[in-house]
Amino acid sequence: QVQLVESGGGSVQSGGSLRLSCAASGFTLDVYHVGWFRQAPGKEREGIVCIDNSDGGPYYIDSVKGRFTMSRDNAKNTVYLQMNSLRPEDTAVYYCAAEWYEPRCQMGGQYQPSYEYWGQGIQVTVSS
């Protein structure tokens, strides 16, 4: 079965840390560009970081740069998102997604349909 499964979400206080994992099954993740996206209540889903299949990047949006770190473990067919210095505005459902159509990974909303595989999403809640 082809799927992405996120884990590691939960509730933390402001300033805390969480590490999300995204494990792929049924396909080899390292040939895909992989992105992390999030959707806060009442807001559109936004891309926050992505990494190319050639290991170009990661590329971060400004609001998470310096606080979040994305990495790959090809041996485990898994990508990670280490989130430090979390803020209440980071509260959202987080998704990982994989695609290979574009020349490099993209996070803009217009590129979300290019992502072929999506995880089910996992809740991250940051309290002040």
Protein backbone atom coordinates (compact mmCIF):
# COMPACT_ATOMS: atom_id res chain seq x y z
CA GLN A 1 0.00 0.00 0.00
CA VAL A 2 1.38 3.38 -1.04
CA GLN A 3 1.16 5.87 1.77
CA LEU A 4 2.81 8.52 3.90
CA VAL A 5 2.25 8.40 7.64
CA GLU A 6 3.07 11.29 9.95
CA SER A 7 3.81 10.88 13.64
CA GLY A 8 5.21 12.92 16.50
CA GLY A 9 2.62 15.64 16.83
CA GLY A 10 1.07 16.77 20.07
CA SER A 11 0.71 19.69 22.44
CA VAL A 12 3.57 21.78 23.79
CA GLN A 13 4.00 25.13 25.45
CA SER A 14 5.42 28.11 23.66
CA GLY A 15 9.18 27.73 23.27
CA GLY A 16 8.99 23.96 23.25
CA SER A 17 10.04 21.45 20.60
CA LEU A 18 8.54 18.60 18.64
CA ARG A 19 9.90 16.32 15.95
CA LEU A 20 7.56 15.13 13.26
CA SER A 21 8.28 12.03 11.23
CA CYS A 22 6.90 11.12 7.83
CA ALA A 23 7.38 7.50 6.87
CA ALA A 24 6.76 6.28 3.35
CA SER A 25 5.61 2.82 2.42
CA GLY A 26 4.99 1.29 -0.98
CA PHE A 27 7.40 3.61 -2.76
CA THR A 28 10.94 4.96 -2.43
CA LEU A 29 10.82 8.40 -0.94
CA ASP A 30 14.28 9.55 -1.95
CA VAL A 31 13.36 9.84 -5.65
CA TYR A 32 10.67 12.36 -4.75
CA HIS A 33 10.70 15.98 -3.72
CA VAL A 34 9.16 16.13 -0.26
CA GLY A 35 7.43 19.02 1.42
CA TRP A 36 5.92 19.80 4.78
CA PHE A 37 2.70 21.79 4.78
CA ARG A 38 0.41 23.03 7.51
CA GLN A 39 -3.13 24.26 7.80
CA ALA A 40 -4.26 26.38 10.71
CA PRO A 41 -7.95 26.75 11.58
CA GLY A 42 -9.67 29.06 9.13
CA LYS A 43 -6.60 29.41 6.94
CA GLU A 44 -5.41 27.93 3.69
CA ARG A 45 -2.85 25.17 3.71
CA GLU A 46 0.65 26.58 3.31
CA GLY A 47 3.97 25.04 2.41
CA ILE A 48 6.63 25.63 5.04
CA VAL A 49 9.68 23.66 3.87
CA CYS A 50 10.66 21.30 1.10
CA ILE A 51 13.66 19.27 -0.03
CA ASP A 52 14.59 18.17 -3.54
CA ASN A 53 15.06 14.56 -4.55
CA SER A 54 18.65 15.50 -5.35
CA ASP A 55 19.00 16.76 -1.75
CA GLY A 56 18.92 20.37 -2.86
CA GLY A 57 17.62 22.46 -0.02
CA PRO A 58 15.85 22.32 2.37
CA TYR A 59 14.08 25.55 1.49
CA TYR A 60 12.14 27.25 4.27
CA ILE A 61 9.58 29.98 4.45
CA ASP A 62 10.69 32.96 6.49
CA SER A 63 8.38 32.33 9.43
CA VAL A 64 10.04 29.00 10.29
CA LYS A 65 13.59 29.66 9.12
CA GLY A 66 16.05 29.21 11.96
CA ARG A 67 13.51 27.32 14.09
CA PHE A 68 12.54 24.33 11.94
CA THR A 69 14.88 21.79 10.35
CA MET A 70 13.90 19.26 7.71
CA SER A 71 16.00 16.18 7.07
CA ARG A 72 15.88 12.85 5.25
CA ASP A 73 16.88 9.37 6.32
CA ASN A 74 16.84 7.42 3.07
CA ALA A 75 17.69 4.15 4.82
CA LYS A 76 14.46 4.51 6.81
CA ASN A 77 12.47 5.94 3.89
CA THR A 78 11.51 8.74 6.24
CA VAL A 79 11.74 12.51 6.46
CA TYR A 80 11.70 14.54 9.62
CA LEU A 81 10.74 18.00 10.73
CA GLN A 82 12.46 19.18 13.88
CA MET A 83 10.52 22.13 15.27
CA ASN A 84 12.14 24.26 17.95
CA SER A 85 11.11 27.52 19.63
CA LEU A 86 7.50 26.77 18.82
CA ARG A 87 5.00 29.60 18.91
CA PRO A 88 1.21 29.61 19.28
CA GLU A 89 0.97 30.67 15.62
CA ASP A 90 2.59 27.35 14.66
CA THR A 91 -0.58 25.58 15.80
CA ALA A 92 -1.93 23.68 12.80
CA VAL A 93 -2.42 20.30 11.20
CA TYR A 94 0.88 19.35 9.58
CA TYR A 95 1.14 17.28 6.41
CA CYS A 96 4.00 15.77 4.50
CA ALA A 97 3.69 15.28 0.77
CA ALA A 98 5.77 13.90 -2.08
CA GLU A 99 5.99 14.69 -5.79
CA TRP A 100 8.42 14.37 -8.66
CA TYR A 101 6.78 16.29 -11.52
CA GLU A 102 8.44 19.62 -10.94
CA PRO A 103 12.13 20.24 -11.70
CA ARG A 104 12.65 21.05 -8.03
CA CYS A 105 10.54 21.12 -4.91
CA GLN A 106 7.97 23.89 -4.64
CA MET A 107 5.90 25.16 -1.73
CA GLY A 108 3.59 27.67 -3.37
CA GLY A 109 -0.12 27.02 -3.27
CA GLN A 110 -0.29 26.66 -7.04
CA TYR A 111 2.09 23.67 -6.81
CA GLN A 112 0.16 21.72 -4.19
CA PRO A 113 -1.79 19.79 -6.86
CA SER A 114 1.57 18.51 -8.13
CA TYR A 115 2.08 16.60 -4.91
CA GLU A 116 1.08 13.03 -5.66
CA TYR A 117 1.15 11.56 -2.16
CA TRP A 118 -0.09 13.15 1.06
CA GLY A 119 -0.04 12.02 4.63
CA GLN A 120 -3.16 12.04 6.75
CA GLY A 121 -2.05 15.06 8.74
CA ILE A 122 -1.10 15.40 12.36
CA GLN A 123 -2.10 18.01 14.91
CA VAL A 124 0.46 20.31 16.50
CA THR A 125 -0.84 22.60 19.25
CA VAL A 126 1.31 25.27 20.89
CA SER A 127 -0.08 27.00 23.95
CA SER A 128 1.08 30.35 25.25
